[in-house]
C-alpha atoms as a PDB file:
ATOM      1  CA  MET A   1       0.000   0.000   0.000  1.00  0.00           C
ATOM      2  CA  ASP A   2       1.202   3.487  -0.871  1.00  0.00           C
ATOM      3  CA  TRP A   3       0.268   6.038   1.783  1.00  0.00           C
ATOM      4  CA  ARG A   4       0.017   8.664  -0.974  1.00  0.00           C
ATOM      5  CA  ASP A   5      -3.276   7.088  -2.056  1.00  0.00           C
ATOM      6  CA  ARG A   6      -4.864   7.947   1.312  1.00  0.00           C
ATOM      7  CA  ILE A   7      -2.938  10.908   2.777  1.00  0.00           C
ATOM      8  CA  VAL A   8      -3.051  14.418   1.337  1.00  0.00           C
ATOM      9  CA  VAL A   9      -1.440  17.752   2.118  1.00  0.00           C
ATOM     10  CA  ASP A  10      -3.567  20.750   1.207  1.00  0.00           C
ATOM     11  CA  PRO A  11      -2.754  24.226   2.525  1.00  0.00           C
ATOM     12  CA  THR A  12      -6.490  24.955   2.826  1.00  0.00           C
ATOM     13  CA  ILE A  13      -7.064  22.001   5.192  1.00  0.00           C
ATOM     14  CA  LEU A  14      -5.620  22.214   8.726  1.00  0.00           C
ATOM     15  CA  VAL A  15      -3.018  24.726   7.507  1.00  0.00           C
ATOM     16  CA  GLY A  16      -1.364  22.098   5.332  1.00  0.00           C
ATOM     17  CA  LYS A  17      -0.919  19.307   7.858  1.00  0.00           C
ATOM     18  CA  PRO A  18      -1.122  15.844   6.303  1.00  0.00           C
ATOM     19  CA  VAL A  19      -4.665  14.500   6.642  1.00  0.00           C
ATOM     20  CA  ILE A  20      -6.576  11.405   5.638  1.00  0.00           C
ATOM     21  CA  LYS A  21      -8.066  12.082   2.208  1.00  0.00           C
ATOM     22  CA  GLY A  22     -11.646  13.312   2.353  1.00  0.00           C
ATOM     23  CA  THR A  23     -11.432  14.179   6.067  1.00  0.00           C
ATOM     24  CA  ARG A  24     -10.006  16.772   8.396  1.00  0.00           C
ATOM     25  CA  ILE A  25      -8.386  14.036  10.499  1.00  0.00           C
ATOM     26  CA  ALA A  26      -4.657  14.687  10.725  1.00  0.00           C
ATOM     27  CA  VAL A  27      -2.063  11.940  10.505  1.00  0.00           C
ATOM     28  CA  GLU A  28      -0.572  13.406  13.678  1.00  0.00           C
ATOM     29  CA  PHE A  29      -3.890  12.894  15.499  1.00  0.00           C
ATOM     30  CA  VAL A  30      -4.126   9.217  14.516  1.00  0.00           C
ATOM     31  CA  ILE A  31      -0.500   8.594  15.520  1.00  0.00           C
ATOM     32  CA  ASP A  32      -1.166  10.291  18.872  1.00  0.00           C
ATOM     33  CA  LEU A  33      -4.196   8.068  19.467  1.00  0.00           C
ATOM     34  CA  LEU A  34      -2.100   4.966  18.779  1.00  0.00           C
ATOM     35  CA  ALA A  35       0.691   6.273  21.030  1.00  0.00           C
ATOM     36  CA  ASN A  36      -1.875   6.734  23.803  1.00  0.00           C
ATOM     37  CA  GLY A  37      -2.940   3.111  23.673  1.00  0.00           C
ATOM     38  CA  TRP A  38      -5.867   3.246  21.265  1.00  0.00           C
ATOM     39  CA  SER A  39      -6.146   0.165  19.088  1.00  0.00           C
ATOM     40  CA  GLU A  40      -6.955   0.305  15.403  1.00  0.00           C
ATOM     41  CA  ASN A  41     -10.392  -1.012  16.312  1.00  0.00           C
ATOM     42  CA  ASP A  42     -10.875   1.815  18.865  1.00  0.00           C
ATOM     43  CA  ILE A  43     -10.070   4.389  16.194  1.00  0.00           C
ATOM     44  CA  LEU A  44     -12.361   2.806  13.604  1.00  0.00           C
ATOM     45  CA  THR A  45     -15.212   2.561  16.118  1.00  0.00           C
ATOM     46  CA  ASN A  46     -14.901   6.210  17.163  1.00  0.00           C
ATOM     47  CA  TYR A  47     -14.280   7.499  13.638  1.00  0.00           C
ATOM     48  CA  PRO A  48     -16.553   5.325  11.477  1.00  0.00           C
ATOM     49  CA  GLY A  49     -15.621   7.220   8.289  1.00  0.00           C
ATOM     50  CA  LEU A  50     -12.124   5.751   8.461  1.00  0.00           C
ATOM     51  CA  ALA A  51     -10.977   2.411   7.072  1.00  0.00           C
ATOM     52  CA  PRO A  52      -8.212   0.149   8.370  1.00  0.00           C
ATOM     53  CA  GLU A  53      -6.136   1.225   5.362  1.00  0.00           C
ATOM     54  CA  ASP A  54      -6.336   4.835   6.580  1.00  0.00           C
ATOM     55  CA  VAL A  55      -4.757   3.934   9.911  1.00  0.00           C
ATOM     56  CA  ARG A  56      -2.025   1.934   8.160  1.00  0.00           C
ATOM     57  CA  ALA A  57      -1.427   4.815   5.765  1.00  0.00           C
ATOM     58  CA  CYS A  58      -0.869   7.110   8.758  1.00  0.00           C
ATOM     59  CA  LEU A  59       1.716   4.711  10.138  1.00  0.00           C
ATOM     60  CA  ALA A  60       3.407   4.380   6.745  1.00  0.00           C
ATOM     61  CA  TYR A  61       3.518   8.175   6.376  1.00  0.00           C
ATOM     62  CA  ALA A  62       5.061   8.586   9.845  1.00  0.00           C
ATOM     63  CA  SER A  63       7.567   5.825   9.165  1.00  0.00           C
ATOM     64  CA  GLU A  64       8.707   7.421   5.919  1.00  0.00           C
ATOM     65  CA  ALA A  65       8.893  10.882   7.493  1.00  0.00           C
ATOM     66  CA  LEU A  66      11.147   9.533  10.248  1.00  0.00           C
ATOM     67  CA  ARG A  67      13.273   7.586   7.790  1.00  0.00           C
ATOM     68  CA  GLU A  68      13.918  10.785   5.832  1.00  0.00           C
ATOM     69  CA  GLU A  69      14.605  12.868   8.938  1.00  0.00           C
ATOM     70  CA  HIS A  70      18.105  14.299   9.214  1.00  0.00           C
ATOM     71  CA  VAL A  71      19.624  14.337  12.676  1.00  0.00           C
ATOM     72  CA  TYR A  72      22.542  16.597  13.428  1.00  0.00           C
ATOM     73  CA  PRO A  73      24.228  15.763  16.728  1.00  0.00           C
ATOM     74  CA  ILE A  74      25.253  18.685  18.882  1.00  0.00           C
ATOM     75  CA  GLY A  75      28.666  18.353  20.517  1.00  0.00           C
ATOM     76  CA  ARG A  76      28.880  18.454  24.288  1.00  0.00           C
END
């Protein structure tokens, strides 16, 4: 699955934060729910407009964003 099929960035929606296509639900929000112990089923139950593929797309987006992140160590 390619996250690009389900995640969009539009400057007119949530000031350009990545969101699930057709919603105003930010990738960041879904990742935060998962980090706070919500299961995929919890998310889908509380947000019935979402599909399991949407949750996986959020994870794939976050994974790619972290993989592309550049870290510059600061000397001590």
